[in-house]
Amino acid sequence: PKAFKVRLAKELVTMYHSEKDASRAEEEFTKVFSNKEAPTDMKEVKRSTLKAENLAGILKELGLAPSTGEAKRLIEQGAVKINKEKIEDWKSPLPSDKITIQCGKRKFVKIV
């Protein structure tokens, strides 16, 4: 079934856009969902604009979690990664360099 879905998606994108766009979309899908890598295009936020002081507050502020409580739950359950490393303490500070936060399987934000 997966091969048919991929083929159908590629045909639809080709129909409405182009063969080149369809190939690019397929490569991006494979990269993110099959190879579990970060997407090419993701939201970038400057560190200086963040007001929250702990990771749970930052997830809420970035829109990765609807509330601080939900952010804490996601962190404690291992659904949050910083630079591909699971974080399990919601009180942990952010590293000082550029980082990529992943919340769940599909939400990514780069902090610069």
PDB file of N, CA and C in Angstrom:
ATOM      1  N   PRO A   1       0.799  -1.214   0.000  1.00  0.00           N
ATOM      2  CA  PRO A   1       0.000   0.000   0.000  1.00  0.00           C
ATOM      3  C   PRO A   1       0.841   1.279   0.000  1.00  0.00           C
ATOM      4  N   LYS A   2       2.000   1.240   0.681  1.00  0.00           N
ATOM      5  CA  LYS A   2       2.817   2.448   0.752  1.00  0.00           C
ATOM      6  C   LYS A   2       3.316   2.850  -0.632  1.00  0.00           C
ATOM      7  N   ALA A   3       3.744   1.883  -1.422  1.00  0.00           N
ATOM      8  CA  ALA A   3       4.256   2.194  -2.754  1.00  0.00           C
ATOM      9  C   ALA A   3       3.177   2.834  -3.621  1.00  0.00           C
ATOM     10  N   PHE A   4       1.946   2.353  -3.493  1.00  0.00           N
ATOM     11  CA  PHE A   4       0.847   2.936  -4.270  1.00  0.00           C
ATOM     12  C   PHE A   4       0.538   4.360  -3.815  1.00  0.00           C
ATOM     13  N   LYS A   5       0.602   4.591  -2.507  1.00  0.00           N
ATOM     14  CA  LYS A   5       0.360   5.938  -1.993  1.00  0.00           C
ATOM     15  C   LYS A   5       1.425   6.911  -2.483  1.00  0.00           C
ATOM     16  N   VAL A   6       2.672   6.471  -2.463  1.00  0.00           N
ATOM     17  CA  VAL A   6       3.766   7.318  -2.930  1.00  0.00           C
ATOM     18  C   VAL A   6       3.591   7.625  -4.414  1.00  0.00           C
ATOM     19  N   ARG A   7       3.250   6.610  -5.191  1.00  0.00           N
ATOM     20  CA  ARG A   7       3.049   6.809  -6.632  1.00  0.00           C
ATOM     21  C   ARG A   7       1.880   7.759  -6.906  1.00  0.00           C
ATOM     22  N   LEU A   8       0.777   7.579  -6.177  1.00  0.00           N
ATOM     23  CA  LEU A   8      -0.384   8.452  -6.338  1.00  0.00           C
ATOM     24  C   LEU A   8      -0.035   9.895  -5.975  1.00  0.00           C
ATOM     25  N   ALA A   9       0.651  10.075  -4.873  1.00  0.00           N
ATOM     26  CA  ALA A   9       1.049  11.423  -4.451  1.00  0.00           C
ATOM     27  C   ALA A   9       1.934  12.077  -5.503  1.00  0.00           C
ATOM     28  N   LYS A  10       2.877  11.314  -6.033  1.00  0.00           N
ATOM     29  CA  LYS A  10       3.781  11.861  -7.047  1.00  0.00           C
ATOM     30  C   LYS A  10       3.012  12.249  -8.311  1.00  0.00           C
ATOM     31  N   GLU A  11       2.065  11.414  -8.716  1.00  0.00           N
ATOM     32  CA  GLU A  11       1.269  11.717  -9.905  1.00  0.00           C
ATOM     33  C   GLU A  11       0.414  12.969  -9.692  1.00  0.00           C
ATOM     34  N   LEU A  12      -0.171  13.115  -8.506  1.00  0.00           N
ATOM     35  CA  LEU A  12      -0.990  14.291  -8.228  1.00  0.00           C
ATOM     36  C   LEU A  12      -0.161  15.572  -8.223  1.00  0.00           C
ATOM     37  N   VAL A  13       1.002  15.522  -7.598  1.00  0.00           N
ATOM     38  CA  VAL A  13       1.860  16.706  -7.566  1.00  0.00           C
ATOM     39  C   VAL A  13       2.330  17.043  -8.978  1.00  0.00           C
ATOM     40  N   THR A  14       2.655  16.028  -9.768  1.00  0.00           N
ATOM     41  CA  THR A  14       3.057  16.260 -11.157  1.00  0.00           C
ATOM     42  C   THR A  14       1.911  16.892 -11.948  1.00  0.00           C
ATOM     43  N   MET A  15       0.707  16.427 -11.701  1.00  0.00           N
ATOM     44  CA  MET A  15      -0.461  16.924 -12.423  1.00  0.00           C
ATOM     45  C   MET A  15      -0.701  18.417 -12.143  1.00  0.00           C
ATOM     46  N   TYR A  16      -0.539  18.819 -10.903  1.00  0.00           N
ATOM     47  CA  TYR A  16      -0.848  20.198 -10.522  1.00  0.00           C
ATOM     48  C   TYR A  16       0.369  21.121 -10.481  1.00  0.00           C
ATOM     49  N   HIS A  17       1.566  20.558 -10.453  1.00  0.00           N
ATOM     50  CA  HIS A  17       2.776  21.387 -10.391  1.00  0.00           C
ATOM     51  C   HIS A  17       3.719  20.986 -11.519  1.00  0.00           C
ATOM     52  N   SER A  18       4.705  20.156 -11.211  1.00  0.00           N
ATOM     53  CA  SER A  18       5.641  19.692 -12.247  1.00  0.00           C
ATOM     54  C   SER A  18       6.331  18.420 -11.773  1.00  0.00           C
ATOM     55  N   GLU A  19       6.986  17.754 -12.692  1.00  0.00           N
ATOM     56  CA  GLU A  19       7.739  16.536 -12.365  1.00  0.00           C
ATOM     57  C   GLU A  19       8.864  16.854 -11.384  1.00  0.00           C
ATOM     58  N   LYS A  20       9.495  17.997 -11.587  1.00  0.00           N
ATOM     59  CA  LYS A  20      10.589  18.416 -10.712  1.00  0.00           C
ATOM     60  C   LYS A  20      10.095  18.623  -9.278  1.00  0.00           C
ATOM     61  N   ASP A  21       8.942  19.304  -9.124  1.00  0.00           N
ATOM     62  CA  ASP A  21       8.369  19.523  -7.794  1.00  0.00           C
ATOM     63  C   ASP A  21       7.969  18.198  -7.138  1.00  0.00           C
ATOM     64  N   ALA A  22       7.445  17.276  -7.936  1.00  0.00           N
ATOM     65  CA  ALA A  22       7.038  15.969  -7.420  1.00  0.00           C
ATOM     66  C   ALA A  22       8.245  15.196  -6.901  1.00  0.00           C
ATOM     67  N   SER A  23       9.334  15.234  -7.641  1.00  0.00           N
ATOM     68  CA  SER A  23      10.557  14.539  -7.199  1.00  0.00           C
ATOM     69  C   SER A  23      11.102  15.158  -5.924  1.00  0.00           C
ATOM     70  N   ARG A  24      11.080  16.490  -5.867  1.00  0.00           N
ATOM     71  CA  ARG A  24      11.568  17.189  -4.680  1.00  0.00           C
ATOM     72  C   ARG A  24      10.710  16.848  -3.460  1.00  0.00           C
ATOM     73  N   ALA A  25       9.401  16.814  -3.640  1.00  0.00           N
ATOM     74  CA  ALA A  25       8.494  16.483  -2.532  1.00  0.00           C
ATOM     75  C   ALA A  25       8.707  15.047  -2.057  1.00  0.00           C
ATOM     76  N   GLU A  26       8.922  14.137  -2.989  1.00  0.00           N
ATOM     77  CA  GLU A  26       9.169  12.739  -2.618  1.00  0.00           C
ATOM     78  C   GLU A  26      10.469  12.601  -1.835  1.00  0.00           C
ATOM     79  N   GLU A  27      11.509  13.304  -2.273  1.00  0.00           N
ATOM     80  CA  GLU A  27      12.797  13.259  -1.566  1.00  0.00           C
ATOM     81  C   GLU A  27      12.661  13.822  -0.150  1.00  0.00           C
ATOM     82  N   GLU A  28      11.934  14.934  -0.019  1.00  0.00           N
ATOM     83  CA  GLU A  28      11.745  15.550   1.298  1.00  0.00           C
ATOM     84  C   GLU A  28      10.946  14.624   2.215  1.00  0.00           C
ATOM     85  N   PHE A  29       9.887  13.990   1.685  1.00  0.00           N
ATOM     86  CA  PHE A  29       9.094  13.059   2.468  1.00  0.00           C
ATOM     87  C   PHE A  29       9.959  11.895   2.957  1.00  0.00           C
ATOM     88  N   THR A  30      10.752  11.333   2.057  1.00  0.00           N
ATOM     89  CA  THR A  30      11.634  10.221   2.417  1.00  0.00           C
ATOM     90  C   THR A  30      12.639  10.649   3.479  1.00  0.00           C
ATOM     91  N   LYS A  31      13.191  11.837   3.314  1.00  0.00           N
ATOM     92  CA  LYS A  31      14.179  12.348   4.259  1.00  0.00           C
ATOM     93  C   LYS A  31      13.581  12.480   5.660  1.00  0.00           C
ATOM     94  N   VAL A  32      12.390  13.079   5.756  1.00  0.00           N
ATOM     95  CA  VAL A  32      11.805  13.370   7.066  1.00  0.00           C
ATOM     96  C   VAL A  32      11.175  12.141   7.704  1.00  0.00           C
ATOM     97  N   PHE A  33      10.402  11.374   6.939  1.00  0.00           N
ATOM     98  CA  PHE A  33       9.624  10.304   7.555  1.00  0.00           C
ATOM     99  C   PHE A  33      10.288   8.932   7.491  1.00  0.00           C
ATOM    100  N   SER A  34      11.046   8.639   6.457  1.00  0.00           N
ATOM    101  CA  SER A  34      11.704   7.334   6.383  1.00  0.00           C
ATOM    102  C   SER A  34      13.076   7.364   7.046  1.00  0.00           C
ATOM    103  N   ASN A  35      13.850   8.428   6.762  1.00  0.00           N
ATOM    104  CA  ASN A  35      15.201   8.520   7.305  1.00  0.00           C
ATOM    105  C   ASN A  35      15.246   9.246   8.648  1.00  0.00           C
ATOM    106  N   LYS A  36      14.102   9.814   9.076  1.00  0.00           N
ATOM    107  CA  LYS A  36      13.965  10.507  10.362  1.00  0.00           C
ATOM    108  C   LYS A  36      14.978  11.627  10.538  1.00  0.00           C
ATOM    109  N   GLU A  37      15.143  12.423   9.480  1.00  0.00           N
ATOM    110  CA  GLU A  37      16.020  13.588   9.523  1.00  0.00           C
ATOM    111  C   GLU A  37      15.170  14.847   9.642  1.00  0.00           C
ATOM    112  N   ALA A  38      15.822  15.957   9.940  1.00  0.00           N
ATOM    113  CA  ALA A  38      15.108  17.236  10.038  1.00  0.00           C
ATOM    114  C   ALA A  38      14.729  17.715   8.636  1.00  0.00           C
ATOM    115  N   PRO A  39      13.584  18.390   8.516  1.00  0.00           N
ATOM    116  CA  PRO A  39      13.182  18.888   7.200  1.00  0.00           C
ATOM    117  C   PRO A  39      14.116  19.985   6.710  1.00  0.00           C
ATOM    118  N   THR A  40      14.134  20.189   5.407  1.00  0.00           N
ATOM    119  CA  THR A  40      14.991  21.213   4.816  1.00  0.00           C
ATOM    120  C   THR A  40      14.528  22.603   5.233  1.00  0.00           C
ATOM    121  N   ASP A  41      13.237  22.852   5.108  1.00  0.00           N
ATOM    122  CA  ASP A  41      12.676  24.149   5.481  1.00  0.00           C
ATOM    123  C   ASP A  41      11.962  24.014   6.812  1.00  0.00           C
ATOM    124  N   MET A  42      12.415  24.778   7.797  1.00  0.00           N
ATOM    125  CA  MET A  42      11.729  24.779   9.088  1.00  0.00           C
ATOM    126  C   MET A  42      11.752  26.188   9.655  1.00  0.00           C
ATOM    127  N   LYS A  43      10.829  26.429  10.549  1.00  0.00           N
ATOM    128  CA  LYS A  43      10.696  27.738  11.180  1.00  0.00           C
ATOM    129  C   LYS A  43      11.968  28.069  11.954  1.00  0.00           C
ATOM    130  N   GLU A  44      12.469  29.309  11.774  1.00  0.00           N
ATOM    131  CA  GLU A  44      13.637  29.773  12.527  1.00  0.00           C
ATOM    132  C   GLU A  44      13.222  30.889  13.469  1.00  0.00           C
ATOM    133  N   VAL A  45      13.714  30.821  14.695  1.00  0.00           N
ATOM    134  CA  VAL A  45      13.396  31.822  15.710  1.00  0.00           C
ATOM    135  C   VAL A  45      14.707  32.315  16.313  1.00  0.00           C
ATOM    136  N   LYS A  46      14.799  33.621  16.517  1.00  0.00           N
ATOM    137  CA  LYS A  46      15.992  34.172  17.174  1.00  0.00           C
ATOM    138  C   LYS A  46      15.860  33.988  18.679  1.00  0.00           C
ATOM    139  N   ARG A  47      16.942  33.573  19.293  1.00  0.00           N
ATOM    140  CA  ARG A  47      16.956  33.315  20.739  1.00  0.00           C
ATOM    141  C   ARG A  47      16.565  34.561  21.526  1.00  0.00           C
ATOM    142  N   SER A  48      16.934  35.723  21.029  1.00  0.00           N
ATOM    143  CA  SER A  48      16.663  36.958  21.759  1.00  0.00           C
ATOM    144  C   SER A  48      15.165  37.269  21.850  1.00  0.00           C
ATOM    145  N   THR A  49      14.342  36.674  20.981  1.00  0.00           N
ATOM    146  CA  THR A  49      12.896  36.936  21.011  1.00  0.00           C
ATOM    147  C   THR A  49      12.160  36.042  22.011  1.00  0.00           C
ATOM    148  N   LEU A  50      12.811  35.012  22.523  1.00  0.00           N
ATOM    149  CA  LEU A  50      12.159  34.089  23.451  1.00  0.00           C
ATOM    150  C   LEU A  50      12.104  34.684  24.852  1.00  0.00           C
ATOM    151  N   LYS A  51      10.935  34.597  25.489  1.00  0.00           N
ATOM    152  CA  LYS A  51      10.751  35.162  26.825  1.00  0.00           C
ATOM    153  C   LYS A  51      10.775  34.099  27.915  1.00  0.00           C
ATOM    154  N   ALA A  52      10.373  32.880  27.578  1.00  0.00           N
ATOM    155  CA  ALA A  52      10.311  31.800  28.569  1.00  0.00           C
ATOM    156  C   ALA A  52      11.718  31.407  29.012  1.00  0.00           C
ATOM    157  N   GLU A  53      11.810  30.902  30.240  1.00  0.00           N
ATOM    158  CA  GLU A  53      13.114  30.554  30.784  1.00  0.00           C
ATOM    159  C   GLU A  53      13.380  29.060  30.838  1.00  0.00           C
ATOM    160  N   ASN A  54      12.319  28.232  30.785  1.00  0.00           N
ATOM    161  CA  ASN A  54      12.558  26.787  30.799  1.00  0.00           C
ATOM    162  C   ASN A  54      12.014  26.176  29.510  1.00  0.00           C
ATOM    163  N   LEU A  55      12.364  24.948  29.271  1.00  0.00           N
ATOM    164  CA  LEU A  55      12.020  24.286  28.021  1.00  0.00           C
ATOM    165  C   LEU A  55      10.518  24.162  27.817  1.00  0.00           C
ATOM    166  N   ALA A  56       9.771  23.866  28.878  1.00  0.00           N
ATOM    167  CA  ALA A  56       8.315  23.741  28.750  1.00  0.00           C
ATOM    168  C   ALA A  56       7.696  25.060  28.294  1.00  0.00           C
ATOM    169  N   GLY A  57       8.128  26.145  28.869  1.00  0.00           N
ATOM    170  CA  GLY A  57       7.630  27.463  28.472  1.00  0.00           C
ATOM    171  C   GLY A  57       8.010  27.816  27.041  1.00  0.00           C
ATOM    172  N   ILE A  58       9.196  27.425  26.641  1.00  0.00           N
ATOM    173  CA  ILE A  58       9.656  27.698  25.280  1.00  0.00           C
ATOM    174  C   ILE A  58       8.828  26.912  24.269  1.00  0.00           C
ATOM    175  N   LEU A  59       8.516  25.654  24.580  1.00  0.00           N
ATOM    176  CA  LEU A  59       7.672  24.862  23.672  1.00  0.00           C
ATOM    177  C   LEU A  59       6.307  25.510  23.499  1.00  0.00           C
ATOM    178  N   LYS A  60       5.737  26.005  24.581  1.00  0.00           N
ATOM    179  CA  LYS A  60       4.437  26.681  24.499  1.00  0.00           C
ATOM    180  C   LYS A  60       4.572  27.966  23.689  1.00  0.00           C
ATOM    181  N   GLU A  61       5.612  28.736  23.955  1.00  0.00           N
ATOM    182  CA  GLU A  61       5.819  30.006  23.255  1.00  0.00           C
ATOM    183  C   GLU A  61       6.028  29.811  21.749  1.00  0.00           C
ATOM    184  N   LEU A  62       6.683  28.730  21.376  1.00  0.00           N
ATOM    185  CA  LEU A  62       6.940  28.450  19.958  1.00  0.00           C
ATOM    186  C   LEU A  62       5.738  27.824  19.251  1.00  0.00           C
ATOM    187  N   GLY A  63       4.722  27.456  20.009  1.00  0.00           N
ATOM    188  CA  GLY A  63       3.548  26.838  19.414  1.00  0.00           C
ATOM    189  C   GLY A  63       3.700  25.344  19.185  1.00  0.00           C
ATOM    190  N   LEU A  64       4.700  24.730  19.798  1.00  0.00           N
ATOM    191  CA  LEU A  64       4.912  23.293  19.671  1.00  0.00           C
ATOM    192  C   LEU A  64       4.032  22.509  20.633  1.00  0.00           C
ATOM    193  N   ALA A  65       3.501  23.191  21.639  1.00  0.00           N
ATOM    194  CA  ALA A  65       2.577  22.579  22.590  1.00  0.00           C
ATOM    195  C   ALA A  65       1.512  23.616  22.929  1.00  0.00           C
ATOM    196  N   PRO A  66       0.254  23.181  23.111  1.00  0.00           N
ATOM    197  CA  PRO A  66      -0.819  24.139  23.387  1.00  0.00           C
ATOM    198  C   PRO A  66      -0.772  24.777  24.770  1.00  0.00           C
ATOM    199  N   SER A  67      -0.115  24.120  25.720  1.00  0.00           N
ATOM    200  CA  SER A  67      -0.034  24.658  27.079  1.00  0.00           C
ATOM    201  C   SER A  67       1.279  24.216  27.720  1.00  0.00           C
ATOM    202  N   THR A  68       1.632  24.865  28.810  1.00  0.00           N
ATOM    203  CA  THR A  68       2.850  24.491  29.525  1.00  0.00           C
ATOM    204  C   THR A  68       2.718  23.088  30.108  1.00  0.00           C
ATOM    205  N   GLY A  69       1.543  22.753  30.610  1.00  0.00           N
ATOM    206  CA  GLY A  69       1.308  21.410  31.162  1.00  0.00           C
ATOM    207  C   GLY A  69       1.481  20.332  30.105  1.00  0.00           C
ATOM    208  N   GLU A  70       0.938  20.585  28.921  1.00  0.00           N
ATOM    209  CA  GLU A  70       1.096  19.634  27.817  1.00  0.00           C
ATOM    210  C   GLU A  70       2.566  19.533  27.414  1.00  0.00           C
ATOM    211  N   ALA A  71       3.286  20.657  27.425  1.00  0.00           N
ATOM    212  CA  ALA A  71       4.708  20.650  27.099  1.00  0.00           C
ATOM    213  C   ALA A  71       5.488  19.800  28.104  1.00  0.00           C
ATOM    214  N   LYS A  72       5.162  19.940  29.383  1.00  0.00           N
ATOM    215  CA  LYS A  72       5.819  19.134  30.419  1.00  0.00           C
ATOM    216  C   LYS A  72       5.564  17.645  30.189  1.00  0.00           C
ATOM    217  N   ARG A  73       4.307  17.314  29.859  1.00  0.00           N
ATOM    218  CA  ARG A  73       3.960  15.917  29.614  1.00  0.00           C
ATOM    219  C   ARG A  73       4.727  15.367  28.422  1.00  0.00           C
ATOM    220  N   LEU A  74       4.816  16.137  27.345  1.00  0.00           N
ATOM    221  CA  LEU A  74       5.553  15.694  26.161  1.00  0.00           C
ATOM    222  C   LEU A  74       7.026  15.456  26.482  1.00  0.00           C
ATOM    223  N   ILE A  75       7.605  16.363  27.268  1.00  0.00           N
ATOM    224  CA  ILE A  75       9.021  16.229  27.635  1.00  0.00           C
ATOM    225  C   ILE A  75       9.228  14.990  28.495  1.00  0.00           C
ATOM    226  N   GLU A  76       8.381  14.795  29.501  1.00  0.00           N
ATOM    227  CA  GLU A  76       8.521  13.651  30.400  1.00  0.00           C
ATOM    228  C   GLU A  76       8.312  12.317  29.693  1.00  0.00           C
ATOM    229  N   GLN A  77       7.517  12.303  28.625  1.00  0.00           N
ATOM    230  CA  GLN A  77       7.274  11.073  27.873  1.00  0.00           C
ATOM    231  C   GLN A  77       8.316  10.837  26.781  1.00  0.00           C
ATOM    232  N   GLY A  78       9.285  11.737  26.647  1.00  0.00           N
ATOM    233  CA  GLY A  78      10.363  11.532  25.679  1.00  0.00           C
ATOM    234  C   GLY A  78      10.036  11.948  24.254  1.00  0.00           C
ATOM    235  N   ALA A  79       9.039  12.813  24.084  1.00  0.00           N
ATOM    236  CA  ALA A  79       8.639  13.235  22.734  1.00  0.00           C
ATOM    237  C   ALA A  79       9.380  14.475  22.258  1.00  0.00           C
ATOM    238  N   VAL A  80      10.286  15.000  23.077  1.00  0.00           N
ATOM    239  CA  VAL A  80      11.005  16.223  22.717  1.00  0.00           C
ATOM    240  C   VAL A  80      12.490  15.919  22.599  1.00  0.00           C
ATOM    241  N   LYS A  81      13.068  16.385  21.488  1.00  0.00           N
ATOM    242  CA  LYS A  81      14.504  16.212  21.265  1.00  0.00           C
ATOM    243  C   LYS A  81      15.129  17.560  20.960  1.00  0.00           C
ATOM    244  N   ILE A  82      16.320  17.744  21.478  1.00  0.00           N
ATOM    245  CA  ILE A  82      17.128  18.920  21.132  1.00  0.00           C
ATOM    246  C   ILE A  82      18.379  18.382  20.472  1.00  0.00           C
ATOM    247  N   ASN A  83      18.585  18.793  19.231  1.00  0.00           N
ATOM    248  CA  ASN A  83      19.714  18.292  18.423  1.00  0.00           C
ATOM    249  C   ASN A  83      19.774  16.766  18.431  1.00  0.00           C
ATOM    250  N   LYS A  84      18.620  16.131  18.230  1.00  0.00           N
ATOM    251  CA  LYS A  84      18.455  14.678  18.120  1.00  0.00           C
ATOM    252  C   LYS A  84      18.652  13.911  19.420  1.00  0.00           C
ATOM    253  N   GLU A  85      18.762  14.614  20.554  1.00  0.00           N
ATOM    254  CA  GLU A  85      18.908  13.957  21.850  1.00  0.00           C
ATOM    255  C   GLU A  85      17.639  14.160  22.665  1.00  0.00           C
ATOM    256  N   LYS A  86      17.084  13.065  23.202  1.00  0.00           N
ATOM    257  CA  LYS A  86      15.871  13.158  24.006  1.00  0.00           C
ATOM    258  C   LYS A  86      16.132  13.976  25.265  1.00  0.00           C
ATOM    259  N   ILE A  87      15.182  14.814  25.582  1.00  0.00           N
ATOM    260  CA  ILE A  87      15.229  15.609  26.800  1.00  0.00           C
ATOM    261  C   ILE A  87      14.092  15.130  27.686  1.00  0.00           C
ATOM    262  N   GLU A  88      14.380  14.848  28.956  1.00  0.00           N
ATOM    263  CA  GLU A  88      13.346  14.337  29.851  1.00  0.00           C
ATOM    264  C   GLU A  88      13.112  15.227  31.066  1.00  0.00           C
ATOM    265  N   ASP A  89      13.836  16.351  31.163  1.00  0.00           N
ATOM    266  CA  ASP A  89      13.639  17.281  32.276  1.00  0.00           C
ATOM    267  C   ASP A  89      13.160  18.612  31.717  1.00  0.00           C
ATOM    268  N   TRP A  90      11.921  18.990  32.044  1.00  0.00           N
ATOM    269  CA  TRP A  90      11.349  20.216  31.491  1.00  0.00           C
ATOM    270  C   TRP A  90      11.998  21.474  32.047  1.00  0.00           C
ATOM    271  N   LYS A  91      12.752  21.346  33.123  1.00  0.00           N
ATOM    272  CA  LYS A  91      13.429  22.508  33.719  1.00  0.00           C
ATOM    273  C   LYS A  91      14.772  22.787  33.068  1.00  0.00           C
ATOM    274  N   SER A  92      15.222  21.901  32.200  1.00  0.00           N
ATOM    275  CA  SER A  92      16.552  22.050  31.624  1.00  0.00           C
ATOM    276  C   SER A  92      16.650  23.303  30.752  1.00  0.00           C
ATOM    277  N   PRO A  93      17.783  24.014  30.871  1.00  0.00           N
ATOM    278  CA  PRO A  93      17.978  25.206  30.040  1.00  0.00           C
ATOM    279  C   PRO A  93      18.377  24.804  28.619  1.00  0.00           C
ATOM    280  N   LEU A  94      18.228  25.728  27.703  1.00  0.00           N
ATOM    281  CA  LEU A  94      18.637  25.466  26.321  1.00  0.00           C
ATOM    282  C   LEU A  94      20.137  25.632  26.180  1.00  0.00           C
ATOM    283  N   PRO A  95      20.768  24.830  25.337  1.00  0.00           N
ATOM    284  CA  PRO A  95      22.191  25.057  25.033  1.00  0.00           C
ATOM    285  C   PRO A  95      22.366  26.436  24.412  1.00  0.00           C
ATOM    286  N   SER A  96      23.539  26.996  24.545  1.00  0.00           N
ATOM    287  CA  SER A  96      23.760  28.372  24.099  1.00  0.00           C
ATOM    288  C   SER A  96      23.992  28.519  22.592  1.00  0.00           C
ATOM    289  N   ASP A  97      24.290  27.438  21.894  1.00  0.00           N
ATOM    290  CA  ASP A  97      24.546  27.550  20.460  1.00  0.00           C
ATOM    291  C   ASP A  97      23.254  27.331  19.664  1.00  0.00           C
ATOM    292  N   LYS A  98      23.382  27.266  18.350  1.00  0.00           N
ATOM    293  CA  LYS A  98      22.220  27.017  17.494  1.00  0.00           C
ATOM    294  C   LYS A  98      21.693  25.614  17.767  1.00  0.00           C
ATOM    295  N   ILE A  99      20.371  25.506  17.882  1.00  0.00           N
ATOM    296  CA  ILE A  99      19.778  24.205  18.171  1.00  0.00           C
ATOM    297  C   ILE A  99      18.547  23.965  17.296  1.00  0.00           C
ATOM    298  N   THR A 100      18.197  22.691  17.173  1.00  0.00           N
ATOM    299  CA  THR A 100      16.963  22.287  16.514  1.00  0.00           C
ATOM    300  C   THR A 100      16.129  21.548  17.545  1.00  0.00           C
ATOM    301  N   ILE A 101      14.901  22.028  17.755  1.00  0.00           N
ATOM    302  CA  ILE A 101      13.984  21.378  18.682  1.00  0.00           C
ATOM    303  C   ILE A 101      12.982  20.581  17.864  1.00  0.00           C
ATOM    304  N   GLN A 102      12.816  19.321  18.233  1.00  0.00           N
ATOM    305  CA  GLN A 102      11.815  18.471  17.599  1.00  0.00           C
ATOM    306  C   GLN A 102      10.810  18.073  18.664  1.00  0.00           C
ATOM    307  N   CYS A 103       9.540  18.297  18.373  1.00  0.00           N
ATOM    308  CA  CYS A 103       8.469  17.939  19.290  1.00  0.00           C
ATOM    309  C   CYS A 103       7.556  16.966  18.569  1.00  0.00           C
ATOM    310  N   GLY A 104       7.581  15.719  18.992  1.00  0.00           N
ATOM    311  CA  GLY A 104       6.836  14.693  18.275  1.00  0.00           C
ATOM    312  C   GLY A 104       7.560  14.314  16.997  1.00  0.00           C
ATOM    313  N   LYS A 105       6.822  13.807  16.020  1.00  0.00           N
ATOM    314  CA  LYS A 105       7.455  13.362  14.781  1.00  0.00           C
ATOM    315  C   LYS A 105       7.539  14.447  13.723  1.00  0.00           C
ATOM    316  N   ARG A 106       6.654  15.452  13.796  1.00  0.00           N
ATOM    317  CA  ARG A 106       6.524  16.365  12.669  1.00  0.00           C
ATOM    318  C   ARG A 106       6.780  17.830  12.968  1.00  0.00           C
ATOM    319  N   LYS A 107       6.999  18.207  14.197  1.00  0.00           N
ATOM    320  CA  LYS A 107       7.164  19.624  14.527  1.00  0.00           C
ATOM    321  C   LYS A 107       8.635  19.933  14.804  1.00  0.00           C
ATOM    322  N   PHE A 108       9.179  20.843  13.999  1.00  0.00           N
ATOM    323  CA  PHE A 108      10.582  21.214  14.119  1.00  0.00           C
ATOM    324  C   PHE A 108      10.706  22.735  14.176  1.00  0.00           C
ATOM    325  N   VAL A 109      11.626  23.242  15.009  1.00  0.00           N
ATOM    326  CA  VAL A 109      11.942  24.661  15.058  1.00  0.00           C
ATOM    327  C   VAL A 109      13.436  24.791  15.264  1.00  0.00           C
ATOM    328  N   LYS A 110      14.038  25.712  14.516  1.00  0.00           N
ATOM    329  CA  LYS A 110      15.476  25.978  14.658  1.00  0.00           C
ATOM    330  C   LYS A 110      15.614  27.289  15.431  1.00  0.00           C
ATOM    331  N   ILE A 111      16.430  27.271  16.479  1.00  0.00           N
ATOM    332  CA  ILE A 111      16.695  28.475  17.266  1.00  0.00           C
ATOM    333  C   ILE A 111      18.113  28.930  16.978  1.00  0.00           C
ATOM    334  N   VAL A 112      18.219  30.174  16.509  1.00  0.00           N
ATOM    335  CA  VAL A 112      19.539  30.728  16.133  1.00  0.00           C
ATOM    336  C   VAL A 112      19.884  31.900  17.004  1.00  0.00           C
TER     337      VAL A 112
END
